[in-house]
Amino acid sequence: MIVAAAALVPGQASAQVSPRSPLLDLDRAELRSQIDSRYQSAVQATQASEIKRSADSRFVWAAEAKVQCGIALGYLKSGTRDEASINKCDGFSTRMAQASAPAPVAAAPAPAPGCGVDPSVSVFFDWNADAPLAEAQATVQQMVASRASCGWTRLAVTGHADRSGSDDYNVGISTRRANNIAAMLENAGVAVSDMTVSGKGESELKIETADGVREPMNRRVEISAQ
C-alpha cells in the first residue's frame, strides 16, 4: 500500500511542529518500507547532477529528508517509532517532491575560454550545526578547480544563519560555518591570504522568513570569486 505524504504549506519551517504523518498509522513492516523508500529517493536526489546545485531547492529538501529518514530508520531497526523523525521525514520528502526546478535564466554573454562556470556557490548546513553537509566537499573541490581554470585570485567566504537563534548567536554560528569552509578551501590549496572570511548572521537571508523560523536555505556559506 502506498501512502501519500502529508502536504506542507509552502514557507512553513522545520522549527514549527511537523504535521502528523499518516505513515504513523501503518504497521511496523509497512512503515519501515515507506520510510526506506523515502530515504532512498532522498539519497538519489542528493546525488543527481541536475539537482546538486545551490540554486535548486530540491537539493536542500532532499538533504533534510535524507537525514530525518535515516534517523527514523535507525529507530525502527531498534524497534522504536520515533514520531518526530517520521513526521519530518515525510514532510521533507513532500517538500522535495513539490519543489520545482529553477526557472531557466536568460543566456549570459559567452564566457571566457575555459571559464563557463558560476562564480558563486553555496554550501548548506543542518540546523544548529557549523559542520557542513557531506556534499560540501564536492562543492569546495569544484570551486577550487574553477578558480584555477578561470584565473580568479580571491574568494569571499561568507557564512549565514536562519532566524531560529538570537542575533549574537547567529553571527557566531555563521562565522564558524565560514571558518570551517575556509579551512576546507585551505586544505584544497587556497591560501588564507587569498580569502575574505566573514559571518553575516541572519542579516542577509536567501529566503525571507518570520523570526524563529528554521529555513534550510538560509543556513549556508556562500563562496564567491572576487
Foldseek 3Di string as FASTA:
>chain_A
DDDAFDEDDPQAFLLDQFPQTPLVVDPLVVSLVNLVVLLVVLVVQCVDPQQVFLVFCLNLLSLQLNVLSVVQNVQSVVVHGDRRSSSSNSHSSNVSVPGDGDDDDDDDPDDDPQQPDAQKGKFFPDPPDLDTDPCLLVVLLVNLVNCVRVVFQAKEKEFEAAQQDDQVVQQVSRQSNSVVSVVSNVVVPRDPVRYHGGYDRHPDAPDDHDHNGHDRSGGIIMIGGD
